[in-house]
Amino acid sequence: MKMFKTAAMGTVFAVLSGTTAMADGHACAIDAGRVNIVGNEFPAIQSVAAAALECASGAEEAASNLTSEHQTINVAGMTGNPAEYTSAVIANSSIVALINEDVIRPLDDLIAEYGQDIPARQLITIDGKVMAVAFMANAQHLVYRSDVLEQIGVDVPTSYEEVLEAAEMIRAEGIMEYPVSGAYAAGWNLAEEFVNMYLGTGGEFFTPGTAEVSINNAQGVEALEMMKALTEYMNPDYLTHDSNAAGAEWEAGNAALMNMWGSRTGVLMDEEGAAPEVYENTVAGGPLTVGDSGVPASTLWWDGWTVAKNVSDESAAATFRALAHATSPALLNDETMSQAVWLMDGFEAQPVNEGVLATVAAGANPYPMLPFMGLLHTALGDNIADYLQGNESAEQALMDIEAAYTAAATEQGFLQ
């Protein structure tokens, strides 16, 4: 049996109390090469991309493609020679596919020439090489309507069991029919909800040191059963609700309890898109637990940027310099400060950041950065919906997930 170790990475979450500065130098004197960024579309990444493109306005190309479908196009877009995208903005999970496909380059030489002042804590090191620069921390945590909880006379839930109790009271009082929301869209989002919940039970995804999956157990059943119990209080179309749709449901005033990304809470708490009674009473809470393990049912994430392998050295340098500038303290201002838990010097926590900070403080586990975790994530996303819809048992769903993962891991050589 093959043995594997978790990839080494910089302790980016230690930055939350750090104060190291990043020098900007001449980062914006870019007049050659290409810069083309692919990434997710939430506000923090939009701000980073905008700053990078402004910095690279004198280059041969300065473009971005920010979309919720970024994980389905970034590998293909970086495989050609030259690559279409010169950088992919990624997180713990999505960098693994880029490394497995050998489409991003080590950054050590670029750091030596242009990024000597990037704090070491932001450098994501895998197999001894820096493969990404992290710029923000992220996690999912409770978001709640304080006015609704006050109306039913309950404290802020700290566990999913308490969420269910509060949801039943909200429905019984006729306040909301579907008071719970979340990113339960079939596929990646649904799989991430299981990852959170399974970690919350204290479970381990793989037999230690191997690629052998180990979720087909009582903890796996417990995680699935809690997810299904929550869906009883969700909009019946929950399997189509990604983060954007769940956020829209919230802003429409249709939900009062939601497990949501910290990077999305700023949109929920600003004055746009919702009535005052919604945004004025939207609060970022801490991570939830499930059962009695005491482990937060959430995962810690970093978001960062990479540089494509199949681009010219000139374009690699332009991309590195533009993004190093875009994720320096120069980015932080009154508009951007609340968009994320930034890892740069000068970040000042805002009320919208409290959920992520609480999740870090509670000791939530980072999302596993293993070469085969993506295969399990895909298998989860493809096989949980049937259970939630009542088409099969939790035990059968776990067997289906195990079989799908094992077939994929064997095909790719992780299992014999």
Protein backbone atom coordinates (compact mmCIF):
# COMPACT_ATOMS: atom_id res chain seq x y z
CA MET A 1 0.00 0.00 0.00
CA LYS A 2 1.32 3.44 -0.89
CA MET A 3 1.99 5.82 1.98
CA PHE A 4 1.28 9.53 1.74
CA LYS A 5 1.90 12.60 3.84
CA THR A 6 -0.06 15.83 3.93
CA ALA A 7 1.70 18.47 1.84
CA ALA A 8 3.71 20.95 3.89
CA MET A 9 2.34 24.48 3.90
CA GLY A 10 3.04 27.80 5.54
CA THR A 11 1.05 28.48 8.70
CA VAL A 12 -0.99 31.26 7.14
CA PHE A 13 -3.50 31.40 9.98
CA ALA A 14 -0.78 32.57 12.37
CA VAL A 15 -0.85 35.81 10.40
CA LEU A 16 -4.00 36.91 12.16
CA SER A 17 -1.87 38.38 14.91
CA GLY A 18 1.17 39.22 12.77
CA THR A 19 2.49 42.59 11.67
CA THR A 20 5.15 42.00 9.00
CA ALA A 21 5.04 44.52 6.14
CA MET A 22 5.38 43.92 2.41
CA ALA A 23 7.41 46.35 0.33
CA ASP A 24 5.74 47.45 -2.89
CA GLY A 25 8.80 48.61 -4.80
CA HIS A 26 8.13 49.28 -8.49
CA ALA A 27 5.41 46.64 -8.79
CA CYS A 28 3.22 48.75 -11.06
CA ALA A 29 5.83 49.72 -13.65
CA ILE A 30 4.70 46.79 -15.82
CA ASP A 31 4.90 47.43 -19.55
CA ALA A 32 5.50 43.96 -21.02
CA GLY A 33 4.19 40.41 -20.82
CA ARG A 34 0.68 39.08 -20.30
CA VAL A 35 -1.52 39.01 -17.19
CA ASN A 36 -4.72 36.94 -17.37
CA ILE A 37 -6.29 35.78 -14.10
CA VAL A 38 -8.92 33.08 -13.53
CA GLY A 39 -10.64 32.77 -10.15
CA ASN A 40 -13.80 32.87 -8.10
CA GLU A 41 -16.14 35.86 -8.18
CA PHE A 42 -16.67 37.00 -4.59
CA PRO A 43 -15.83 40.60 -3.61
CA ALA A 44 -12.36 40.02 -2.12
CA ILE A 45 -11.07 38.31 -5.25
CA GLN A 46 -12.75 40.93 -7.43
CA SER A 47 -10.77 43.59 -5.56
CA VAL A 48 -7.49 41.68 -5.93
CA ALA A 49 -8.02 41.13 -9.65
CA ALA A 50 -8.97 44.76 -10.24
CA ALA A 51 -5.82 45.97 -8.46
CA ALA A 52 -3.65 43.53 -10.42
CA LEU A 53 -5.11 44.57 -13.76
CA GLU A 54 -4.72 48.25 -12.95
CA CYS A 55 -1.11 47.54 -12.07
CA ALA A 56 -0.61 45.69 -15.36
CA SER A 57 -2.47 48.16 -17.56
CA GLY A 58 0.68 48.78 -19.60
CA ALA A 59 1.29 45.10 -20.32
CA GLU A 60 0.50 43.32 -23.60
CA GLU A 61 -2.63 41.83 -22.00
CA ALA A 62 -4.43 42.58 -18.74
CA ALA A 63 -7.59 40.48 -18.30
CA SER A 64 -9.48 38.31 -15.82
CA ASN A 65 -12.22 35.69 -15.81
CA LEU A 66 -13.87 35.58 -12.38
CA THR A 67 -16.61 32.97 -12.23
CA SER A 68 -18.11 30.42 -9.86
CA GLU A 69 -17.11 27.81 -12.47
CA HIS A 70 -13.40 28.60 -12.10
CA GLN A 71 -12.50 25.13 -10.85
CA THR A 72 -13.90 23.52 -13.98
CA ILE A 73 -11.88 25.70 -16.37
CA ASN A 74 -8.60 26.61 -14.69
CA VAL A 75 -6.69 23.40 -15.48
CA ALA A 76 -7.76 23.40 -19.13
CA GLY A 77 -7.02 27.11 -19.38
CA MET A 78 -3.48 26.60 -18.09
CA THR A 79 -2.65 23.40 -20.00
CA GLY A 80 -1.99 24.93 -23.42
CA ASN A 81 1.40 26.29 -24.44
CA PRO A 82 1.21 29.19 -24.05
CA ALA A 83 -1.43 28.95 -21.35
CA GLU A 84 -4.57 31.07 -21.72
CA TYR A 85 -4.43 32.08 -18.05
CA THR A 86 -1.19 33.27 -16.52
CA SER A 87 -2.53 32.85 -12.97
CA ALA A 88 -5.23 30.96 -11.14
CA VAL A 89 -6.55 32.22 -7.81
CA ILE A 90 -6.94 29.07 -5.74
CA ALA A 91 -7.51 27.68 -2.25
CA ASN A 92 -6.41 24.65 -0.24
CA SER A 93 -8.30 22.21 -2.40
CA SER A 94 -8.05 23.66 -5.87
CA ILE A 95 -4.26 24.03 -5.91
CA VAL A 96 -3.93 20.24 -5.74
CA ALA A 97 -5.39 19.70 -9.21
CA LEU A 98 -3.04 22.31 -10.69
CA ILE A 99 -0.04 20.64 -9.08
CA ASN A 100 -1.17 17.17 -10.14
CA GLU A 101 -1.48 18.38 -13.76
CA ASP A 102 1.86 20.25 -13.57
CA VAL A 103 0.46 23.54 -14.87
CA ILE A 104 1.83 25.97 -12.25
CA ARG A 105 5.45 26.90 -11.62
CA PRO A 106 7.44 27.16 -8.39
CA LEU A 107 7.73 30.78 -7.34
CA ASP A 108 11.08 30.72 -5.53
CA ASP A 109 13.03 32.45 -8.32
CA LEU A 110 10.36 35.13 -8.76
CA ILE A 111 10.28 35.71 -5.00
CA ALA A 112 14.05 36.10 -4.95
CA GLU A 113 13.89 38.75 -7.68
CA TYR A 114 10.62 40.57 -7.00
CA GLY A 115 9.13 39.40 -3.70
CA GLN A 116 11.82 39.36 -1.03
CA ASP A 117 9.52 41.25 1.33
CA ILE A 118 6.51 38.94 1.05
CA PRO A 119 6.06 37.56 4.60
CA ALA A 120 7.13 33.92 4.88
CA ARG A 121 3.81 33.09 6.56
CA GLN A 122 1.99 33.79 3.28
CA LEU A 123 4.13 31.43 1.21
CA ILE A 124 2.52 28.07 0.53
CA THR A 125 5.34 25.53 0.38
CA ILE A 126 4.77 22.08 -1.10
CA ASP A 127 7.61 19.53 -1.35
CA GLY A 128 10.09 22.27 -0.52
CA LYS A 129 8.97 24.70 -3.24
CA VAL A 130 6.77 27.77 -2.92
CA MET A 131 3.76 27.12 -5.16
CA ALA A 132 1.37 29.92 -4.13
CA VAL A 133 1.08 33.17 -2.19
CA ALA A 134 -1.85 33.26 0.24
CA PHE A 135 -3.65 36.55 0.79
CA MET A 136 -6.77 35.78 2.83
CA ALA A 137 -8.21 33.32 5.32
CA ASN A 138 -11.70 31.95 4.94
CA ALA A 139 -14.10 29.56 6.65
CA GLN A 140 -17.79 28.77 6.89
CA HIS A 141 -19.61 29.73 10.06
CA LEU A 142 -23.06 30.59 11.36
CA VAL A 143 -24.82 33.69 10.05
CA TYR A 144 -28.03 34.55 11.88
CA ARG A 145 -30.85 37.06 12.15
CA SER A 146 -30.63 38.52 15.65
CA ASP A 147 -34.17 39.94 15.49
CA VAL A 148 -35.69 36.56 14.63
CA LEU A 149 -33.84 34.77 17.42
CA GLU A 150 -34.96 37.48 19.83
CA GLN A 151 -38.53 37.04 18.63
CA ILE A 152 -38.51 33.34 19.53
CA GLY A 153 -36.51 33.96 22.71
CA VAL A 154 -33.48 31.74 22.15
CA ASP A 155 -29.75 32.29 22.40
CA VAL A 156 -27.48 32.14 19.36
CA PRO A 157 -27.04 28.47 18.39
CA THR A 158 -23.57 27.00 18.85
CA SER A 159 -24.43 23.54 17.51
CA TYR A 160 -26.40 22.12 14.61
CA GLU A 161 -28.71 20.47 17.13
CA GLU A 162 -29.59 23.93 18.45
CA VAL A 163 -30.05 25.20 14.88
CA LEU A 164 -32.69 22.50 14.35
CA GLU A 165 -34.46 23.45 17.58
CA ALA A 166 -34.49 27.14 16.65
CA ALA A 167 -35.63 26.39 13.10
CA GLU A 168 -38.60 24.40 14.40
CA MET A 169 -39.60 27.26 16.70
CA ILE A 170 -39.33 29.81 13.85
CA ARG A 171 -41.56 27.64 11.66
CA ALA A 172 -44.01 26.92 14.46
CA GLU A 173 -44.38 30.67 15.14
CA GLY A 174 -45.19 31.22 11.47
CA ILE A 175 -42.24 33.56 11.00
CA MET A 176 -40.59 31.63 8.16
CA GLU A 177 -41.44 28.35 6.46
CA TYR A 178 -37.84 27.60 5.50
CA PRO A 179 -35.65 29.39 8.05
CA VAL A 180 -32.41 27.50 7.25
CA SER A 181 -30.25 28.16 4.20
CA GLY A 182 -26.81 27.18 2.93
CA ALA A 183 -24.75 26.28 -0.12
CA TYR A 184 -26.18 22.81 -0.75
CA ALA A 185 -25.99 22.82 -4.55
CA ALA A 186 -25.32 19.29 -5.80
CA GLY A 187 -21.64 18.90 -6.64
CA TRP A 188 -18.77 20.80 -5.05
CA ASN A 189 -20.86 22.80 -2.57
CA LEU A 190 -22.75 19.79 -1.24
CA ALA A 191 -19.52 17.87 -0.87
CA GLU A 192 -17.99 20.71 1.14
CA GLU A 193 -20.95 20.66 3.53
CA PHE A 194 -20.27 16.97 4.15
CA VAL A 195 -16.55 17.66 4.64
CA ASN A 196 -17.44 20.24 7.31
CA MET A 197 -19.97 18.01 9.02
CA TYR A 198 -17.78 14.90 8.95
CA LEU A 199 -14.88 16.79 10.49
CA GLY A 200 -17.32 18.01 13.13
CA THR A 201 -18.02 14.41 14.13
CA GLY A 202 -14.29 13.91 14.71
CA GLY A 203 -13.93 11.65 11.69
CA GLU A 204 -10.87 11.11 9.48
CA PHE A 205 -11.22 10.90 5.71
CA PHE A 206 -8.43 8.40 5.08
CA THR A 207 -6.59 5.67 6.91
CA PRO A 208 -3.60 7.61 8.26
CA GLY A 209 -0.67 7.72 5.86
CA THR A 210 -2.59 6.14 2.98
CA ALA A 211 -5.07 7.01 0.24
CA GLU A 212 -7.58 4.47 1.56
CA VAL A 213 -10.89 6.23 2.23
CA SER A 214 -12.42 5.78 5.69
CA ILE A 215 -15.78 7.59 5.77
CA ASN A 216 -18.01 4.52 5.54
CA ASN A 217 -18.63 4.40 9.28
CA ALA A 218 -20.91 5.64 12.06
CA GLN A 219 -19.49 9.15 11.83
CA GLY A 220 -20.26 9.25 8.11
CA VAL A 221 -23.84 8.24 8.85
CA GLU A 222 -24.08 10.87 11.59
CA ALA A 223 -22.87 13.59 9.21
CA LEU A 224 -25.34 12.63 6.49
CA GLU A 225 -28.25 12.37 8.91
CA MET A 226 -27.60 15.87 10.27
CA MET A 227 -27.39 17.26 6.74
CA LYS A 228 -30.72 15.68 5.87
CA ALA A 229 -32.35 16.96 9.06
CA LEU A 230 -31.28 20.50 8.12
CA THR A 231 -32.73 20.20 4.63
CA GLU A 232 -36.18 19.70 6.16
CA TYR A 233 -36.03 23.41 7.01
CA MET A 234 -34.54 24.58 3.69
CA ASN A 235 -36.15 25.82 0.51
CA PRO A 236 -37.18 22.70 -1.46
CA ASP A 237 -34.81 23.81 -4.24
CA TYR A 238 -31.79 23.63 -1.91
CA LEU A 239 -29.89 21.31 -4.28
CA THR A 240 -29.63 24.21 -6.75
CA HIS A 241 -28.47 26.77 -4.17
CA ASP A 242 -24.79 27.69 -4.37
CA SER A 243 -23.37 30.54 -2.27
CA ASN A 244 -24.86 33.16 -4.57
CA ALA A 245 -28.35 31.66 -4.48
CA ALA A 246 -28.22 31.09 -0.72
CA GLY A 247 -27.16 34.69 -0.26
CA ALA A 248 -30.04 35.89 -2.42
CA GLU A 249 -32.45 33.82 -0.33
CA TRP A 250 -31.05 35.49 2.76
CA GLU A 251 -31.30 39.01 1.37
CA ALA A 252 -34.89 38.31 0.36
CA GLY A 253 -35.65 37.80 4.05
CA ASN A 254 -36.54 34.12 3.67
CA ALA A 255 -33.98 32.63 6.07
CA ALA A 256 -32.66 33.29 9.56
CA LEU A 257 -29.94 30.65 10.07
CA MET A 258 -27.21 29.79 7.60
CA ASN A 259 -23.76 28.22 7.44
CA MET A 260 -21.94 30.56 5.05
CA TRP A 261 -18.47 31.60 3.93
CA GLY A 262 -16.90 34.48 5.78
CA SER A 263 -15.97 35.98 2.40
CA ARG A 264 -19.69 36.33 1.64
CA THR A 265 -20.88 37.93 4.86
CA GLY A 266 -19.97 41.47 3.83
CA VAL A 267 -22.51 41.31 1.01
CA LEU A 268 -25.18 40.11 3.46
CA MET A 269 -24.46 42.87 5.96
CA ASP A 270 -24.23 45.86 3.62
CA GLU A 271 -27.12 48.10 2.63
CA GLU A 272 -27.48 46.79 -0.92
CA GLY A 273 -29.92 44.11 -1.99
CA ALA A 274 -31.91 43.70 1.21
CA ALA A 275 -34.43 45.53 3.38
CA PRO A 276 -33.07 47.30 6.48
CA GLU A 277 -34.65 44.76 8.84
CA VAL A 278 -32.55 42.08 7.12
CA TYR A 279 -29.10 43.65 6.86
CA GLU A 280 -29.33 45.53 10.16
CA ASN A 281 -30.00 42.27 12.01
CA THR A 282 -27.59 40.00 10.11
CA VAL A 283 -24.76 38.89 12.40
CA ALA A 284 -21.66 36.76 11.78
CA GLY A 285 -21.53 34.05 14.44
CA GLY A 286 -18.98 31.39 15.25
CA PRO A 287 -18.57 27.85 13.89
CA LEU A 288 -21.17 25.23 14.74
CA THR A 289 -20.55 21.82 16.26
CA VAL A 290 -22.33 18.51 15.75
CA GLY A 291 -22.61 15.73 18.32
CA ASP A 292 -20.21 15.69 21.23
CA SER A 293 -16.77 15.68 19.58
CA GLY A 294 -16.18 19.36 20.35
CA VAL A 295 -14.54 19.84 16.93
CA PRO A 296 -15.93 22.72 14.82
CA ALA A 297 -17.96 21.50 11.84
CA SER A 298 -16.02 23.73 9.51
CA THR A 299 -12.76 23.87 7.60
CA LEU A 300 -10.11 26.58 7.50
CA TRP A 301 -9.10 27.80 4.08
CA TRP A 302 -6.58 30.12 2.57
CA ASP A 303 -7.03 31.77 -0.79
CA GLY A 304 -3.97 32.62 -2.81
CA TRP A 305 -2.54 33.05 -6.28
CA THR A 306 -0.30 31.01 -8.55
CA VAL A 307 1.69 31.58 -11.74
CA ALA A 308 1.22 29.37 -14.79
CA LYS A 309 4.06 27.13 -15.94
CA ASN A 310 3.36 27.37 -19.67
CA VAL A 311 3.91 31.09 -20.11
CA SER A 312 6.99 33.09 -21.02
CA ASP A 313 9.33 34.24 -18.27
CA GLU A 314 8.30 37.79 -19.18
CA SER A 315 4.61 37.01 -18.59
CA ALA A 316 5.41 35.08 -15.42
CA ALA A 317 7.27 38.08 -14.05
CA ALA A 318 4.48 40.48 -15.04
CA THR A 319 1.87 38.26 -13.41
CA PHE A 320 3.90 37.83 -10.22
CA ARG A 321 4.59 41.53 -9.88
CA ALA A 322 0.99 42.55 -10.55
CA LEU A 323 -0.44 40.11 -8.02
CA ALA A 324 2.24 40.80 -5.41
CA HIS A 325 1.23 44.46 -5.59
CA ALA A 326 -2.49 43.60 -5.58
CA THR A 327 -2.12 41.57 -2.37
CA SER A 328 0.09 44.06 -0.54
CA PRO A 329 -1.04 46.52 2.17
CA ALA A 330 -1.76 48.96 -0.67
CA LEU A 331 -4.99 47.04 -1.30
CA LEU A 332 -6.47 47.83 2.09
CA ASN A 333 -8.84 50.77 2.38
CA ASP A 334 -12.28 51.59 3.78
CA GLU A 335 -13.99 49.64 0.98
CA THR A 336 -11.85 46.51 0.95
CA MET A 337 -11.05 46.13 4.67
CA SER A 338 -14.32 44.32 5.42
CA GLN A 339 -14.23 42.01 2.40
CA ALA A 340 -12.04 39.33 3.95
CA VAL A 341 -9.74 38.30 6.76
CA TRP A 342 -6.73 39.61 4.87
CA LEU A 343 -3.29 38.19 5.55
CA MET A 344 -1.46 41.42 4.73
CA ASP A 345 -0.02 43.85 7.23
CA GLY A 346 -2.48 46.63 8.08
CA PHE A 347 -5.59 44.43 8.23
CA GLU A 348 -8.03 45.55 10.91
CA ALA A 349 -10.79 43.09 11.77
CA GLN A 350 -14.36 44.22 11.11
CA PRO A 351 -17.64 42.83 12.50
CA VAL A 352 -18.13 40.83 9.28
CA ASN A 353 -14.81 39.06 9.94
CA GLU A 354 -15.71 37.81 13.40
CA GLY A 355 -17.04 34.48 12.17
CA VAL A 356 -13.80 33.51 10.46
CA LEU A 357 -11.72 34.70 13.41
CA ALA A 358 -13.92 32.70 15.79
CA THR A 359 -13.50 29.62 13.60
CA VAL A 360 -9.72 29.99 13.69
CA ALA A 361 -9.82 30.47 17.47
CA ALA A 362 -12.02 27.39 17.92
CA GLY A 363 -9.37 25.18 16.34
CA ALA A 364 -11.13 24.18 13.13
CA ASN A 365 -9.13 21.86 10.87
CA PRO A 366 -7.68 23.09 7.56
CA TYR A 367 -9.14 21.51 4.44
CA PRO A 368 -6.89 18.51 3.64
CA MET A 369 -4.29 19.44 1.00
CA LEU A 370 -3.76 15.88 -0.24
CA PRO A 371 -3.33 14.86 -3.90
CA PHE A 372 -6.32 12.52 -3.75
CA MET A 373 -8.72 14.65 -1.66
CA GLY A 374 -10.18 16.14 -4.82
CA LEU A 375 -11.25 12.67 -5.96
CA LEU A 376 -13.11 12.13 -2.70
CA HIS A 377 -14.67 15.59 -2.94
CA THR A 378 -15.99 14.75 -6.41
CA ALA A 379 -17.33 11.39 -5.26
CA LEU A 380 -19.14 13.09 -2.36
CA GLY A 381 -20.67 15.73 -4.60
CA ASP A 382 -21.93 13.10 -7.04
CA ASN A 383 -23.50 10.72 -4.52
CA ILE A 384 -25.05 12.58 -1.58
CA ALA A 385 -28.12 14.05 -3.31
CA ASP A 386 -29.84 10.67 -3.73
CA TYR A 387 -29.75 10.14 0.02
CA LEU A 388 -31.03 13.63 0.81
CA GLN A 389 -33.92 13.10 -1.61
CA GLY A 390 -34.87 9.83 0.09
CA ASN A 391 -33.81 7.55 -2.76
CA GLU A 392 -31.36 5.49 -0.71
CA SER A 393 -30.09 4.98 2.83
CA ALA A 394 -27.15 6.79 4.37
CA GLU A 395 -25.26 3.51 4.44
CA GLN A 396 -25.84 2.96 0.72
CA ALA A 397 -24.77 6.51 -0.08
CA LEU A 398 -21.50 5.99 1.79
CA MET A 399 -20.89 2.73 -0.06
CA ASP A 400 -21.50 4.52 -3.37
CA ILE A 401 -19.08 7.29 -2.39
CA GLU A 402 -16.46 4.76 -1.33
CA ALA A 403 -16.81 2.82 -4.58
CA ALA A 404 -16.63 5.94 -6.77
CA TYR A 405 -13.58 7.26 -4.93
CA THR A 406 -11.78 3.90 -4.91
CA ALA A 407 -12.28 3.48 -8.66
CA ALA A 408 -10.94 6.97 -9.36
CA ALA A 409 -8.00 6.66 -6.94
CA THR A 410 -7.05 3.27 -8.41
CA GLU A 411 -7.21 4.64 -11.95
CA GLN A 412 -4.87 7.48 -11.00
CA GLY A 413 -2.44 5.22 -9.18
CA PHE A 414 -3.10 6.29 -5.60
CA LEU A 415 -4.43 2.83 -4.75
CA GLN A 416 -3.23 -0.58 -5.99
